[in-house]
Amino acid sequence: MVARSAQGDDSAFADLYDATVSVVYGVVIRLLRSSDLSAEIVQDVYLMAWQQAAKFDPARGTTKAWLSTMAHRRAVDMIRSSTRRRDREEYYQVREGEGGPADQTWDGVESALDREDVDSGLSQLSPVQRQALELVYFRGLTHQQMAHYLRIPLGTAKSRIRNGLVTLRAVLGEQC
C-alpha cells in the first residue's frame, strides 16, 4: 500500500489509512491526552506519510512501526513546543510584572472578601462540623488522622466533614 501510495494511488493510501489509523491515534492519544490535539497530529502524520511514501524502506521495519514512529516523534515535538511556550510566557509574566498594582490590590480585596465569607460560613456550622473542617482543610490532617486525633470512628469523621461541607456550601450559596 505504501509503495502504491508513493506512486500517487489515492485508493491505496485510503486503504493504508483505514488499516493503520487506530494504531497511530492510539500512540498519540496516550502521549497528549487530548482528542483535538491528537486528531491534528494524526492528520500531520498521514500528510507526512503521503509526502514521504517513496522513502519508506520495508527492510527497516513494518508500515505500522514507521507510522507509529512518526506519530510518536510528532507528539513529543508538540509536548516540547507547548512546554517551551508555557515557560516563555511564565518568564515574561514574571519579568514584565504582569498584573499591575491595581490588579494586585483587587486580588487582595477579593481574597479578603472570600476569607470573610468562609469565616462567616464556618461560624454558622455546628461546633463538631467546624472542628472537622478546620482540622482537615486548615491544619491539613487526613480523615484518618482527624478521626484518631478526635478519638472517633473514621466513618463518623467522614460524616462530620461531609455534613459540614454541605452546610457550608448552602450558607455560602446564600451569601453569593
Protein backbone atom coordinates (compact mmCIF):
# COMPACT_ATOMS: atom_id res chain seq x y z
CA MET A 1 0.00 0.00 0.00
CA VAL A 2 2.86 2.39 0.80
CA ALA A 3 4.60 1.66 -2.49
CA ARG A 4 1.39 2.26 -4.42
CA SER A 5 0.79 5.44 -2.40
CA ALA A 6 4.26 6.63 -3.37
CA GLN A 7 3.18 6.32 -6.99
CA GLY A 8 0.16 8.54 -6.30
CA ASP A 9 -2.52 5.86 -5.82
CA ASP A 10 -5.19 7.57 -3.71
CA SER A 11 -7.16 4.40 -3.04
CA ALA A 12 -4.04 2.60 -1.77
CA PHE A 13 -3.39 5.50 0.60
CA ALA A 14 -7.01 5.39 1.79
CA ASP A 15 -6.59 1.66 2.47
CA LEU A 16 -3.34 2.36 4.33
CA TYR A 17 -5.11 4.96 6.43
CA ASP A 18 -8.01 2.64 7.25
CA ALA A 19 -5.64 -0.19 8.20
CA THR A 20 -3.38 1.88 10.48
CA VAL A 21 -5.23 4.91 11.85
CA SER A 22 -6.30 3.23 15.09
CA VAL A 23 -2.69 2.34 15.93
CA VAL A 24 -1.39 5.81 15.06
CA TYR A 25 -4.15 7.55 17.00
CA GLY A 26 -3.52 5.25 19.98
CA VAL A 27 0.16 6.23 20.10
CA VAL A 28 -0.68 9.93 20.00
CA ILE A 29 -3.60 9.97 22.44
CA ARG A 30 -1.51 8.15 25.07
CA LEU A 31 1.02 10.97 24.96
CA LEU A 32 -1.17 14.03 24.50
CA ARG A 33 -4.37 13.04 26.34
CA SER A 34 -6.31 15.46 24.14
CA SER A 35 -8.54 14.23 21.35
CA ASP A 36 -8.35 17.55 19.46
CA LEU A 37 -4.55 17.73 19.53
CA SER A 38 -4.31 14.02 18.76
CA ALA A 39 -6.50 14.37 15.68
CA GLU A 40 -4.31 17.23 14.50
CA ILE A 41 -1.13 15.18 14.95
CA VAL A 42 -2.66 12.15 13.19
CA GLN A 43 -3.52 14.38 10.24
CA ASP A 44 0.08 15.68 10.16
CA VAL A 45 1.44 12.13 10.30
CA TYR A 46 -0.61 10.98 7.31
CA LEU A 47 0.33 14.09 5.36
CA MET A 48 4.00 13.29 6.05
CA ALA A 49 3.38 9.65 5.11
CA TRP A 50 1.86 10.73 1.78
CA GLN A 51 4.77 13.06 1.10
CA GLN A 52 7.46 10.58 2.20
CA ALA A 53 5.96 7.30 0.99
CA ALA A 54 8.73 6.91 -1.58
CA LYS A 55 11.34 6.98 1.22
CA PHE A 56 9.73 4.10 3.14
CA ASP A 57 12.01 1.04 3.27
CA PRO A 58 10.17 -2.17 4.25
CA ALA A 59 13.52 -3.78 5.10
CA ARG A 60 13.87 -1.36 8.03
CA GLY A 61 10.51 -2.13 9.64
CA THR A 62 6.78 -2.51 9.23
CA THR A 63 4.44 0.14 7.95
CA LYS A 64 2.77 0.41 11.37
CA ALA A 65 6.16 0.88 13.04
CA TRP A 66 7.10 3.59 10.53
CA LEU A 67 3.83 5.47 11.06
CA SER A 68 3.93 4.95 14.84
CA THR A 69 7.47 6.35 15.00
CA MET A 70 6.42 9.43 13.05
CA ALA A 71 3.38 9.83 15.30
CA HIS A 72 5.42 9.46 18.48
CA ARG A 73 8.05 11.97 17.33
CA ARG A 74 5.40 14.46 16.23
CA ALA A 75 3.51 14.16 19.55
CA VAL A 76 6.72 14.60 21.56
CA ASP A 77 7.56 17.67 19.45
CA MET A 78 4.13 19.09 20.29
CA ILE A 79 4.68 18.48 24.01
CA ARG A 80 8.12 20.10 23.92
CA SER A 81 6.80 23.07 21.96
CA SER A 82 3.94 23.59 24.40
CA THR A 83 6.30 23.34 27.37
CA ARG A 84 8.71 25.88 25.88
CA ARG A 85 5.85 28.26 25.08
CA ARG A 86 4.45 27.96 28.62
CA ASP A 87 7.90 28.52 30.12
CA ARG A 88 8.41 31.60 27.93
CA GLU A 89 5.05 33.03 28.92
CA GLU A 90 5.75 32.46 32.61
CA TYR A 91 9.18 34.05 32.26
CA TYR A 92 7.79 37.17 30.62
CA GLN A 93 4.92 37.43 33.07
CA VAL A 94 7.41 37.48 35.94
CA ARG A 95 9.83 39.75 34.10
CA GLU A 96 7.21 42.24 32.99
CA GLY A 97 5.39 42.06 36.30
CA GLU A 98 2.10 41.26 34.63
CA GLY A 99 -0.71 42.32 36.82
CA GLY A 100 -0.01 45.87 37.90
CA PRO A 101 -0.65 47.38 41.32
CA ALA A 102 -4.37 47.74 40.62
CA ASP A 103 -4.63 44.01 39.82
CA GLN A 104 -2.69 43.10 42.96
CA THR A 105 -4.87 45.38 45.06
CA TRP A 106 -8.04 43.85 43.65
CA ASP A 107 -6.68 40.34 44.20
CA GLY A 108 -6.04 41.25 47.85
CA VAL A 109 -9.54 42.69 48.28
CA GLU A 110 -11.12 39.67 46.58
CA SER A 111 -9.11 37.30 48.77
CA ALA A 112 -10.13 39.20 51.93
CA LEU A 113 -13.80 39.08 50.89
CA ASP A 114 -13.55 35.33 50.24
CA ARG A 115 -11.93 34.83 53.65
CA GLU A 116 -14.72 36.82 55.32
CA ASP A 117 -17.36 34.71 53.57
CA VAL A 118 -15.69 31.48 54.66
CA ASP A 119 -15.26 32.71 58.24
CA SER A 120 -18.91 33.77 58.32
CA GLY A 121 -19.96 30.41 56.90
CA LEU A 122 -17.84 28.48 59.40
CA SER A 123 -19.39 30.40 62.28
CA GLN A 124 -22.80 29.05 61.23
CA LEU A 125 -21.72 25.40 61.44
CA SER A 126 -22.14 23.22 64.49
CA PRO A 127 -19.02 23.06 66.67
CA VAL A 128 -18.24 19.46 65.61
CA GLN A 129 -18.62 20.29 61.90
CA ARG A 130 -16.46 23.41 62.21
CA GLN A 131 -13.79 21.47 64.12
CA ALA A 132 -13.77 18.71 61.49
CA LEU A 133 -13.38 21.15 58.59
CA GLU A 134 -10.70 23.17 60.37
CA LEU A 135 -8.65 20.06 61.14
CA VAL A 136 -8.85 18.74 57.59
CA TYR A 137 -8.73 21.89 55.49
CA PHE A 138 -6.74 24.33 57.62
CA ARG A 139 -4.41 22.02 59.54
CA GLY A 140 -4.03 19.51 56.71
CA LEU A 141 -4.96 16.33 58.57
CA THR A 142 -6.21 13.34 56.63
CA HIS A 143 -9.61 11.90 57.52
CA GLN A 144 -7.93 9.06 59.35
CA GLN A 145 -5.62 11.41 61.29
CA MET A 146 -8.60 13.56 62.23
CA ALA A 147 -10.52 10.52 63.49
CA HIS A 148 -7.52 9.44 65.55
CA TYR A 149 -6.99 12.97 66.91
CA LEU A 150 -10.65 13.29 67.97
CA ARG A 151 -10.84 9.64 69.08
CA ILE A 152 -13.90 8.94 66.93
CA PRO A 153 -14.59 6.26 64.30
CA LEU A 154 -13.42 7.04 60.76
CA GLY A 155 -16.98 6.88 59.43
CA THR A 156 -18.08 9.49 61.97
CA ALA A 157 -15.19 11.74 60.99
CA LYS A 158 -16.11 11.48 57.32
CA SER A 159 -19.76 12.19 58.08
CA ARG A 160 -18.86 15.33 60.03
CA ILE A 161 -16.73 16.57 57.14
CA ARG A 162 -19.39 15.82 54.55
CA ASN A 163 -22.20 17.37 56.58
CA GLY A 164 -20.05 20.41 57.33
CA LEU A 165 -19.29 20.89 53.64
CA VAL A 166 -22.95 20.54 52.68
CA THR A 167 -23.96 23.12 55.28
CA LEU A 168 -21.07 25.45 54.32
CA ARG A 169 -22.00 25.21 50.64
CA ALA A 170 -25.60 26.11 51.46
CA VAL A 171 -24.55 29.06 53.63
CA LEU A 172 -22.03 30.38 51.10
CA GLY A 173 -24.54 29.93 48.28
CA GLU A 174 -26.95 32.25 50.10
CA GLN A 175 -24.24 34.89 50.58
CA CYS A 176 -23.18 34.95 46.93
